[in-house]
Amino acid sequence: MQQYVILRRSGWQSPAELEEAAGRSSRVGDEEMSDDIRWIRSYVLEEGGGSVGTVCIYEASSPEAIREHASRADLPVDEIIPIADTVIVRPDPQPASA
């Protein structure tokens, strides 16, 4: 499988909407398309006015599988970009505990 970046700009009006979408995404990926797609991680973007977008990292069999997953899970897809390589300078920071 190839790794891809999926850009989803201003896809949700609130973090709560995004949380619901994440649940749908996980269910479709894990239960319906586990041979074709694997969600690795997402970075949530502040888009202004309370809306949020995401930059998502997926492994997938093809861009078409990503589009099919998005359609089944009712997710926006603005752009799909194949990842050529990974350079890790530092691991992702851990969120601060509340």
PDB file of N, CA and C in Angstrom:
ATOM      1  N   MET A   1       0.847  -1.187   0.000  1.00  0.00           N
ATOM      2  CA  MET A   1       0.000   0.000   0.000  1.00  0.00           C
ATOM      3  C   MET A   1       0.881   1.234   0.000  1.00  0.00           C
ATOM      4  N   GLN A   2       0.390   2.288  -0.582  1.00  0.00           N
ATOM      5  CA  GLN A   2       1.063   3.586  -0.681  1.00  0.00           C
ATOM      6  C   GLN A   2       0.546   4.501   0.426  1.00  0.00           C
ATOM      7  N   GLN A   3       1.402   5.387   0.931  1.00  0.00           N
ATOM      8  CA  GLN A   3       0.945   6.405   1.879  1.00  0.00           C
ATOM      9  C   GLN A   3       0.518   7.658   1.113  1.00  0.00           C
ATOM     10  N   TYR A   4      -0.531   8.314   1.644  1.00  0.00           N
ATOM     11  CA  TYR A   4      -1.078   9.526   1.036  1.00  0.00           C
ATOM     12  C   TYR A   4      -1.378  10.567   2.109  1.00  0.00           C
ATOM     13  N   VAL A   5      -1.304  11.827   1.699  1.00  0.00           N
ATOM     14  CA  VAL A   5      -1.820  12.943   2.481  1.00  0.00           C
ATOM     15  C   VAL A   5      -3.169  13.300   1.881  1.00  0.00           C
ATOM     16  N   ILE A   6      -4.180  13.446   2.724  1.00  0.00           N
ATOM     17  CA  ILE A   6      -5.499  13.895   2.272  1.00  0.00           C
ATOM     18  C   ILE A   6      -5.783  15.230   2.949  1.00  0.00           C
ATOM     19  N   LEU A   7      -6.007  16.241   2.142  1.00  0.00           N
ATOM     20  CA  LEU A   7      -6.309  17.578   2.643  1.00  0.00           C
ATOM     21  C   LEU A   7      -7.821  17.765   2.630  1.00  0.00           C
ATOM     22  N   ARG A   8      -8.360  18.134   3.794  1.00  0.00           N
ATOM     23  CA  ARG A   8      -9.801  18.372   3.946  1.00  0.00           C
ATOM     24  C   ARG A   8      -9.950  19.761   4.581  1.00  0.00           C
ATOM     25  N   ARG A   9     -10.126  20.784   3.769  1.00  0.00           N
ATOM     26  CA  ARG A   9     -10.195  22.165   4.253  1.00  0.00           C
ATOM     27  C   ARG A   9     -11.616  22.527   4.668  1.00  0.00           C
ATOM     28  N   SER A  10     -11.742  23.134   5.848  1.00  0.00           N
ATOM     29  CA  SER A  10     -13.036  23.615   6.363  1.00  0.00           C
ATOM     30  C   SER A  10     -14.134  22.572   6.202  1.00  0.00           C
ATOM     31  N   GLY A  11     -13.815  21.327   6.514  1.00  0.00           N
ATOM     32  CA  GLY A  11     -14.765  20.245   6.310  1.00  0.00           C
ATOM     33  C   GLY A  11     -15.876  20.175   7.335  1.00  0.00           C
ATOM     34  N   TRP A  12     -15.659  20.790   8.521  1.00  0.00           N
ATOM     35  CA  TRP A  12     -16.627  20.653   9.606  1.00  0.00           C
ATOM     36  C   TRP A  12     -16.819  21.986  10.302  1.00  0.00           C
ATOM     37  N   GLN A  13     -18.026  22.232  10.752  1.00  0.00           N
ATOM     38  CA  GLN A  13     -18.358  23.495  11.408  1.00  0.00           C
ATOM     39  C   GLN A  13     -17.939  23.542  12.868  1.00  0.00           C
ATOM     40  N   SER A  14     -17.575  22.380  13.430  1.00  0.00           N
ATOM     41  CA  SER A  14     -17.189  22.349  14.839  1.00  0.00           C
ATOM     42  C   SER A  14     -16.361  21.102  15.110  1.00  0.00           C
ATOM     43  N   PRO A  15     -15.612  21.111  16.200  1.00  0.00           N
ATOM     44  CA  PRO A  15     -14.894  19.895  16.594  1.00  0.00           C
ATOM     45  C   PRO A  15     -15.843  18.707  16.849  1.00  0.00           C
ATOM     46  N   ALA A  16     -17.047  18.971  17.329  1.00  0.00           N
ATOM     47  CA  ALA A  16     -18.015  17.886  17.563  1.00  0.00           C
ATOM     48  C   ALA A  16     -18.396  17.204  16.246  1.00  0.00           C
ATOM     49  N   GLU A  17     -18.602  17.988  15.178  1.00  0.00           N
ATOM     50  CA  GLU A  17     -18.886  17.413  13.863  1.00  0.00           C
ATOM     51  C   GLU A  17     -17.717  16.562  13.390  1.00  0.00           C
ATOM     52  N   LEU A  18     -16.499  17.047  13.613  1.00  0.00           N
ATOM     53  CA  LEU A  18     -15.309  16.298  13.227  1.00  0.00           C
ATOM     54  C   LEU A  18     -15.233  14.976  13.994  1.00  0.00           C
ATOM     55  N   GLU A  19     -15.566  14.992  15.272  1.00  0.00           N
ATOM     56  CA  GLU A  19     -15.539  13.768  16.073  1.00  0.00           C
ATOM     57  C   GLU A  19     -16.513  12.728  15.510  1.00  0.00           C
ATOM     58  N   GLU A  20     -17.698  13.167  15.104  1.00  0.00           N
ATOM     59  CA  GLU A  20     -18.665  12.251  14.493  1.00  0.00           C
ATOM     60  C   GLU A  20     -18.113  11.673  13.190  1.00  0.00           C
ATOM     61  N   ALA A  21     -17.487  12.537  12.385  1.00  0.00           N
ATOM     62  CA  ALA A  21     -16.904  12.100  11.117  1.00  0.00           C
ATOM     63  C   ALA A  21     -15.781  11.087  11.352  1.00  0.00           C
ATOM     64  N   ALA A  22     -14.983  11.307  12.396  1.00  0.00           N
ATOM     65  CA  ALA A  22     -13.895  10.376  12.713  1.00  0.00           C
ATOM     66  C   ALA A  22     -14.453   8.999  13.052  1.00  0.00           C
ATOM     67  N   GLY A  23     -15.559   8.957  13.741  1.00  0.00           N
ATOM     68  CA  GLY A  23     -16.197   7.681  14.058  1.00  0.00           C
ATOM     69  C   GLY A  23     -16.645   6.951  12.804  1.00  0.00           C
ATOM     70  N   ARG A  24     -17.273   7.691  11.878  1.00  0.00           N
ATOM     71  CA  ARG A  24     -17.699   7.089  10.614  1.00  0.00           C
ATOM     72  C   ARG A  24     -16.490   6.595   9.826  1.00  0.00           C
ATOM     73  N   SER A  25     -15.442   7.401   9.790  1.00  0.00           N
ATOM     74  CA  SER A  25     -14.231   7.038   9.053  1.00  0.00           C
ATOM     75  C   SER A  25     -13.625   5.751   9.589  1.00  0.00           C
ATOM     76  N   SER A  26     -13.517   5.654  10.898  1.00  0.00           N
ATOM     77  CA  SER A  26     -12.953   4.450  11.515  1.00  0.00           C
ATOM     78  C   SER A  26     -13.803   3.230  11.203  1.00  0.00           C
ATOM     79  N   ARG A  27     -15.111   3.373  11.339  1.00  0.00           N
ATOM     80  CA  ARG A  27     -16.001   2.237  11.100  1.00  0.00           C
ATOM     81  C   ARG A  27     -15.889   1.744   9.660  1.00  0.00           C
ATOM     82  N   VAL A  28     -15.965   2.666   8.700  1.00  0.00           N
ATOM     83  CA  VAL A  28     -15.891   2.269   7.290  1.00  0.00           C
ATOM     84  C   VAL A  28     -14.530   1.653   6.981  1.00  0.00           C
ATOM     85  N   GLY A  29     -13.469   2.285   7.457  1.00  0.00           N
ATOM     86  CA  GLY A  29     -12.131   1.757   7.189  1.00  0.00           C
ATOM     87  C   GLY A  29     -11.892   0.400   7.813  1.00  0.00           C
ATOM     88  N   ASP A  30     -12.302   0.237   9.058  1.00  0.00           N
ATOM     89  CA  ASP A  30     -12.034  -1.002   9.781  1.00  0.00           C
ATOM     90  C   ASP A  30     -12.982  -2.141   9.395  1.00  0.00           C
ATOM     91  N   GLU A  31     -14.252  -1.815   9.138  1.00  0.00           N
ATOM     92  CA  GLU A  31     -15.248  -2.863   8.919  1.00  0.00           C
ATOM     93  C   GLU A  31     -15.556  -3.138   7.454  1.00  0.00           C
ATOM     94  N   GLU A  32     -15.453  -2.117   6.603  1.00  0.00           N
ATOM     95  CA  GLU A  32     -15.883  -2.288   5.212  1.00  0.00           C
ATOM     96  C   GLU A  32     -14.726  -2.313   4.216  1.00  0.00           C
ATOM     97  N   MET A  33     -13.609  -1.661   4.549  1.00  0.00           N
ATOM     98  CA  MET A  33     -12.539  -1.505   3.561  1.00  0.00           C
ATOM     99  C   MET A  33     -11.154  -1.809   4.134  1.00  0.00           C
ATOM    100  N   SER A  34     -11.078  -2.724   5.078  1.00  0.00           N
ATOM    101  CA  SER A  34      -9.808  -2.952   5.778  1.00  0.00           C
ATOM    102  C   SER A  34      -8.685  -3.453   4.871  1.00  0.00           C
ATOM    103  N   ASP A  35      -9.009  -4.049   3.728  1.00  0.00           N
ATOM    104  CA  ASP A  35      -7.973  -4.497   2.797  1.00  0.00           C
ATOM    105  C   ASP A  35      -7.448  -3.368   1.916  1.00  0.00           C
ATOM    106  N   ASP A  36      -8.162  -2.224   1.865  1.00  0.00           N
ATOM    107  CA  ASP A  36      -7.820  -1.154   0.938  1.00  0.00           C
ATOM    108  C   ASP A  36      -7.370   0.147   1.578  1.00  0.00           C
ATOM    109  N   ILE A  37      -7.628   0.330   2.865  1.00  0.00           N
ATOM    110  CA  ILE A  37      -7.329   1.639   3.452  1.00  0.00           C
ATOM    111  C   ILE A  37      -7.028   1.496   4.943  1.00  0.00           C
ATOM    112  N   ARG A  38      -6.104   2.339   5.410  1.00  0.00           N
ATOM    113  CA  ARG A  38      -5.731   2.342   6.827  1.00  0.00           C
ATOM    114  C   ARG A  38      -5.426   3.778   7.241  1.00  0.00           C
ATOM    115  N   TRP A  39      -6.194   4.294   8.201  1.00  0.00           N
ATOM    116  CA  TRP A  39      -6.002   5.648   8.716  1.00  0.00           C
ATOM    117  C   TRP A  39      -4.828   5.614   9.686  1.00  0.00           C
ATOM    118  N   ILE A  40      -3.826   6.461   9.460  1.00  0.00           N
ATOM    119  CA  ILE A  40      -2.636   6.505  10.305  1.00  0.00           C
ATOM    120  C   ILE A  40      -2.750   7.609  11.356  1.00  0.00           C
ATOM    121  N   ARG A  41      -2.982   8.854  10.918  1.00  0.00           N
ATOM    122  CA  ARG A  41      -3.126   9.970  11.859  1.00  0.00           C
ATOM    123  C   ARG A  41      -3.718  11.159  11.115  1.00  0.00           C
ATOM    124  N   SER A  42      -4.179  12.130  11.902  1.00  0.00           N
ATOM    125  CA  SER A  42      -4.693  13.389  11.347  1.00  0.00           C
ATOM    126  C   SER A  42      -4.231  14.547  12.200  1.00  0.00           C
ATOM    127  N   TYR A  43      -4.048  15.667  11.549  1.00  0.00           N
ATOM    128  CA  TYR A  43      -3.769  16.931  12.224  1.00  0.00           C
ATOM    129  C   TYR A  43      -4.974  17.825  11.970  1.00  0.00           C
ATOM    130  N   VAL A  44      -5.547  18.366  13.029  1.00  0.00           N
ATOM    131  CA  VAL A  44      -6.736  19.207  12.922  1.00  0.00           C
ATOM    132  C   VAL A  44      -6.298  20.648  12.725  1.00  0.00           C
ATOM    133  N   LEU A  45      -6.912  21.321  11.744  1.00  0.00           N
ATOM    134  CA  LEU A  45      -6.561  22.688  11.375  1.00  0.00           C
ATOM    135  C   LEU A  45      -7.635  23.660  11.828  1.00  0.00           C
ATOM    136  N   GLU A  46      -7.240  24.751  12.465  1.00  0.00           N
ATOM    137  CA  GLU A  46      -8.178  25.834  12.772  1.00  0.00           C
ATOM    138  C   GLU A  46      -8.388  26.624  11.486  1.00  0.00           C
ATOM    139  N   GLU A  47      -9.614  26.647  10.992  1.00  0.00           N
ATOM    140  CA  GLU A  47      -9.907  27.288   9.712  1.00  0.00           C
ATOM    141  C   GLU A  47     -10.574  28.650   9.869  1.00  0.00           C
ATOM    142  N   GLY A  48     -10.846  29.071  11.090  1.00  0.00           N
ATOM    143  CA  GLY A  48     -11.494  30.366  11.301  1.00  0.00           C
ATOM    144  C   GLY A  48     -12.992  30.220  11.410  1.00  0.00           C
ATOM    145  N   GLY A  49     -13.590  31.078  12.209  1.00  0.00           N
ATOM    146  CA  GLY A  49     -15.035  31.055  12.379  1.00  0.00           C
ATOM    147  C   GLY A  49     -15.541  29.802  13.065  1.00  0.00           C
ATOM    148  N   GLY A  50     -14.655  29.082  13.740  1.00  0.00           N
ATOM    149  CA  GLY A  50     -15.050  27.870  14.444  1.00  0.00           C
ATOM    150  C   GLY A  50     -14.957  26.604  13.619  1.00  0.00           C
ATOM    151  N   SER A  51     -14.785  26.739  12.300  1.00  0.00           N
ATOM    152  CA  SER A  51     -14.704  25.533  11.473  1.00  0.00           C
ATOM    153  C   SER A  51     -13.307  24.923  11.569  1.00  0.00           C
ATOM    154  N   VAL A  52     -13.245  23.624  11.297  1.00  0.00           N
ATOM    155  CA  VAL A  52     -11.971  22.914  11.325  1.00  0.00           C
ATOM    156  C   VAL A  52     -11.812  22.091  10.057  1.00  0.00           C
ATOM    157  N   GLY A  53     -10.570  21.889   9.698  1.00  0.00           N
ATOM    158  CA  GLY A  53     -10.205  21.015   8.591  1.00  0.00           C
ATOM    159  C   GLY A  53      -9.190  20.020   9.102  1.00  0.00           C
ATOM    160  N   THR A  54      -8.710  19.162   8.207  1.00  0.00           N
ATOM    161  CA  THR A  54      -7.703  18.188   8.610  1.00  0.00           C
ATOM    162  C   THR A  54      -6.686  17.955   7.502  1.00  0.00           C
ATOM    163  N   VAL A  55      -5.508  17.557   7.932  1.00  0.00           N
ATOM    164  CA  VAL A  55      -4.505  16.954   7.070  1.00  0.00           C
ATOM    165  C   VAL A  55      -4.385  15.527   7.589  1.00  0.00           C
ATOM    166  N   CYS A  56      -4.742  14.549   6.758  1.00  0.00           N
ATOM    167  CA  CYS A  56      -4.780  13.158   7.191  1.00  0.00           C
ATOM    168  C   CYS A  56      -3.713  12.344   6.476  1.00  0.00           C
ATOM    169  N   ILE A  57      -3.135  11.408   7.199  1.00  0.00           N
ATOM    170  CA  ILE A  57      -2.176  10.471   6.630  1.00  0.00           C
ATOM    171  C   ILE A  57      -2.863   9.100   6.600  1.00  0.00           C
ATOM    172  N   TYR A  58      -2.911   8.521   5.403  1.00  0.00           N
ATOM    173  CA  TYR A  58      -3.519   7.206   5.202  1.00  0.00           C
ATOM    174  C   TYR A  58      -2.568   6.323   4.414  1.00  0.00           C
ATOM    175  N   GLU A  59      -2.707   5.023   4.600  1.00  0.00           N
ATOM    176  CA  GLU A  59      -2.179   4.040   3.679  1.00  0.00           C
ATOM    177  C   GLU A  59      -3.374   3.545   2.887  1.00  0.00           C
ATOM    178  N   ALA A  60      -3.206   3.432   1.577  1.00  0.00           N
ATOM    179  CA  ALA A  60      -4.325   2.985   0.750  1.00  0.00           C
ATOM    180  C   ALA A  60      -3.809   2.260  -0.481  1.00  0.00           C
ATOM    181  N   SER A  61      -4.669   1.432  -1.035  1.00  0.00           N
ATOM    182  CA  SER A  61      -4.322   0.708  -2.246  1.00  0.00           C
ATOM    183  C   SER A  61      -4.307   1.627  -3.469  1.00  0.00           C
ATOM    184  N   SER A  62      -5.036   2.752  -3.397  1.00  0.00           N
ATOM    185  CA  SER A  62      -5.094   3.684  -4.534  1.00  0.00           C
ATOM    186  C   SER A  62      -5.820   4.959  -4.119  1.00  0.00           C
ATOM    187  N   PRO A  63      -5.666   6.037  -4.895  1.00  0.00           N
ATOM    188  CA  PRO A  63      -6.467   7.237  -4.640  1.00  0.00           C
ATOM    189  C   PRO A  63      -7.969   6.960  -4.768  1.00  0.00           C
ATOM    190  N   GLU A  64      -8.326   6.038  -5.654  1.00  0.00           N
ATOM    191  CA  GLU A  64      -9.738   5.697  -5.819  1.00  0.00           C
ATOM    192  C   GLU A  64     -10.299   5.071  -4.535  1.00  0.00           C
ATOM    193  N   ALA A  65      -9.491   4.264  -3.840  1.00  0.00           N
ATOM    194  CA  ALA A  65      -9.934   3.679  -2.571  1.00  0.00           C
ATOM    195  C   ALA A  65     -10.168   4.776  -1.540  1.00  0.00           C
ATOM    196  N   ILE A  66      -9.321   5.801  -1.544  1.00  0.00           N
ATOM    197  CA  ILE A  66      -9.504   6.938  -0.629  1.00  0.00           C
ATOM    198  C   ILE A  66     -10.812   7.649  -0.943  1.00  0.00           C
ATOM    199  N   ARG A  67     -11.076   7.879  -2.209  1.00  0.00           N
ATOM    200  CA  ARG A  67     -12.327   8.547  -2.595  1.00  0.00           C
ATOM    201  C   ARG A  67     -13.546   7.700  -2.225  1.00  0.00           C
ATOM    202  N   GLU A  68     -13.451   6.385  -2.422  1.00  0.00           N
ATOM    203  CA  GLU A  68     -14.558   5.488  -2.063  1.00  0.00           C
ATOM    204  C   GLU A  68     -14.790   5.511  -0.552  1.00  0.00           C
ATOM    205  N   HIS A  69     -13.727   5.455   0.220  1.00  0.00           N
ATOM    206  CA  HIS A  69     -13.829   5.531   1.680  1.00  0.00           C
ATOM    207  C   HIS A  69     -14.497   6.843   2.089  1.00  0.00           C
ATOM    208  N   ALA A  70     -14.056   7.949   1.500  1.00  0.00           N
ATOM    209  CA  ALA A  70     -14.622   9.261   1.823  1.00  0.00           C
ATOM    210  C   ALA A  70     -16.113   9.309   1.481  1.00  0.00           C
ATOM    211  N   SER A  71     -16.483   8.741   0.355  1.00  0.00           N
ATOM    212  CA  SER A  71     -17.887   8.732  -0.047  1.00  0.00           C
ATOM    213  C   SER A  71     -18.724   7.926   0.942  1.00  0.00           C
ATOM    214  N   ARG A  72     -18.263   6.742   1.304  1.00  0.00           N
ATOM    215  CA  ARG A  72     -19.008   5.891   2.242  1.00  0.00           C
ATOM    216  C   ARG A  72     -19.113   6.523   3.629  1.00  0.00           C
ATOM    217  N   ALA A  73     -18.061   7.240   4.048  1.00  0.00           N
ATOM    218  CA  ALA A  73     -18.043   7.840   5.386  1.00  0.00           C
ATOM    219  C   ALA A  73     -18.540   9.284   5.391  1.00  0.00           C
ATOM    220  N   ASP A  74     -18.956   9.797   4.232  1.00  0.00           N
ATOM    221  CA  ASP A  74     -19.441  11.174   4.096  1.00  0.00           C
ATOM    222  C   ASP A  74     -18.390  12.178   4.571  1.00  0.00           C
ATOM    223  N   LEU A  75     -17.178  12.065   3.987  1.00  0.00           N
ATOM    224  CA  LEU A  75     -16.065  12.957   4.302  1.00  0.00           C
ATOM    225  C   LEU A  75     -15.689  13.773   3.077  1.00  0.00           C
ATOM    226  N   PRO A  76     -15.286  15.029   3.267  1.00  0.00           N
ATOM    227  CA  PRO A  76     -14.806  15.806   2.134  1.00  0.00           C
ATOM    228  C   PRO A  76     -13.392  15.360   1.744  1.00  0.00           C
ATOM    229  N   VAL A  77     -13.039  15.560   0.493  1.00  0.00           N
ATOM    230  CA  VAL A  77     -11.670  15.344   0.020  1.00  0.00           C
ATOM    231  C   VAL A  77     -11.343  16.487  -0.924  1.00  0.00           C
ATOM    232  N   ASP A  78     -10.424  17.358  -0.506  1.00  0.00           N
ATOM    233  CA  ASP A  78     -10.013  18.458  -1.372  1.00  0.00           C
ATOM    234  C   ASP A  78      -8.824  18.080  -2.247  1.00  0.00           C
ATOM    235  N   GLU A  79      -7.928  17.286  -1.681  1.00  0.00           N
ATOM    236  CA  GLU A  79      -6.732  16.922  -2.433  1.00  0.00           C
ATOM    237  C   GLU A  79      -6.148  15.632  -1.861  1.00  0.00           C
ATOM    238  N   ILE A  80      -5.629  14.777  -2.754  1.00  0.00           N
ATOM    239  CA  ILE A  80      -4.941  13.549  -2.378  1.00  0.00           C
ATOM    240  C   ILE A  80      -3.540  13.621  -2.976  1.00  0.00           C
ATOM    241  N   ILE A  81      -2.531  13.487  -2.114  1.00  0.00           N
ATOM    242  CA  ILE A  81      -1.149  13.629  -2.553  1.00  0.00           C
ATOM    243  C   ILE A  81      -0.362  12.393  -2.121  1.00  0.00           C
ATOM    244  N   PRO A  82       0.265  11.669  -3.056  1.00  0.00           N
ATOM    245  CA  PRO A  82       1.104  10.538  -2.660  1.00  0.00           C
ATOM    246  C   PRO A  82       2.314  11.024  -1.858  1.00  0.00           C
ATOM    247  N   ILE A  83       2.687  10.268  -0.831  1.00  0.00           N
ATOM    248  CA  ILE A  83       3.860  10.596  -0.027  1.00  0.00           C
ATOM    249  C   ILE A  83       5.065   9.897  -0.647  1.00  0.00           C
ATOM    250  N   ALA A  84       6.099  10.666  -0.960  1.00  0.00           N
ATOM    251  CA  ALA A  84       7.305  10.113  -1.577  1.00  0.00           C
ATOM    252  C   ALA A  84       8.255   9.530  -0.536  1.00  0.00           C
ATOM    253  N   ASP A  85       8.324  10.151   0.643  1.00  0.00           N
ATOM    254  CA  ASP A  85       9.266   9.710   1.666  1.00  0.00           C
ATOM    255  C   ASP A  85       8.866  10.350   2.991  1.00  0.00           C
ATOM    256  N   THR A  86       9.415   9.860   4.078  1.00  0.00           N
ATOM    257  CA  THR A  86       9.163  10.412   5.403  1.00  0.00           C
ATOM    258  C   THR A  86      10.489  10.795   6.034  1.00  0.00           C
ATOM    259  N   VAL A  87      10.576  12.008   6.531  1.00  0.00           N
ATOM    260  CA  VAL A  87      11.741  12.477   7.270  1.00  0.00           C
ATOM    261  C   VAL A  87      11.244  12.855   8.659  1.00  0.00           C
ATOM    262  N   ILE A  88      11.718  12.160   9.672  1.00  0.00           N
ATOM    263  CA  ILE A  88      11.303  12.453  11.040  1.00  0.00           C
ATOM    264  C   ILE A  88      12.462  13.151  11.739  1.00  0.00           C
ATOM    265  N   VAL A  89      12.262  14.418  12.044  1.00  0.00           N
ATOM    266  CA  VAL A  89      13.264  15.187  12.777  1.00  0.00           C
ATOM    267  C   VAL A  89      13.065  14.969  14.268  1.00  0.00           C
ATOM    268  N   ARG A  90      11.819  15.025  14.693  1.00  0.00           N
ATOM    269  CA  ARG A  90      11.431  14.771  16.075  1.00  0.00           C
ATOM    270  C   ARG A  90      10.094  14.053  16.055  1.00  0.00           C
ATOM    271  N   PRO A  91       9.821  13.208  17.022  1.00  0.00           N
ATOM    272  CA  PRO A  91       8.492  12.584  17.081  1.00  0.00           C
ATOM    273  C   PRO A  91       7.434  13.644  17.373  1.00  0.00           C
ATOM    274  N   ASP A  92       6.204  13.335  17.013  1.00  0.00           N
ATOM    275  CA  ASP A  92       5.112  14.250  17.327  1.00  0.00           C
ATOM    276  C   ASP A  92       5.085  14.503  18.821  1.00  0.00           C
ATOM    277  N   PRO A  93       4.899  15.760  19.236  1.00  0.00           N
ATOM    278  CA  PRO A  93       4.817  16.040  20.676  1.00  0.00           C
ATOM    279  C   PRO A  93       3.562  15.423  21.267  1.00  0.00           C
ATOM    280  N   GLN A  94       3.637  15.037  22.515  1.00  0.00           N
ATOM    281  CA  GLN A  94       2.485  14.491  23.212  1.00  0.00           C
ATOM    282  C   GLN A  94       1.611  15.636  23.694  1.00  0.00           C
ATOM    283  N   PRO A  95       0.273  15.509  23.563  1.00  0.00           N
ATOM    284  CA  PRO A  95      -0.592  16.565  24.077  1.00  0.00           C
ATOM    285  C   PRO A  95      -0.415  16.735  25.580  1.00  0.00           C
ATOM    286  N   ALA A  96      -0.559  17.968  26.038  1.00  0.00           N
ATOM    287  CA  ALA A  96      -0.468  18.231  27.469  1.00  0.00           C
ATOM    288  C   ALA A  96      -1.659  17.591  28.173  1.00  0.00           C
ATOM    289  N   SER A  97      -1.446  17.060  29.354  1.00  0.00           N
ATOM    290  CA  SER A  97      -2.567  16.478  30.096  1.00  0.00           C
ATOM    291  C   SER A  97      -3.391  17.583  30.715  1.00  0.00           C
ATOM    292  N   ALA A  98      -4.695  17.341  30.817  1.00  0.00           N
ATOM    293  CA  ALA A  98      -5.616  18.355  31.342  1.00  0.00           C
ATOM    294  C   ALA A  98      -5.561  18.411  32.849  1.00  0.00           C
TER     295      ALA A  98
END
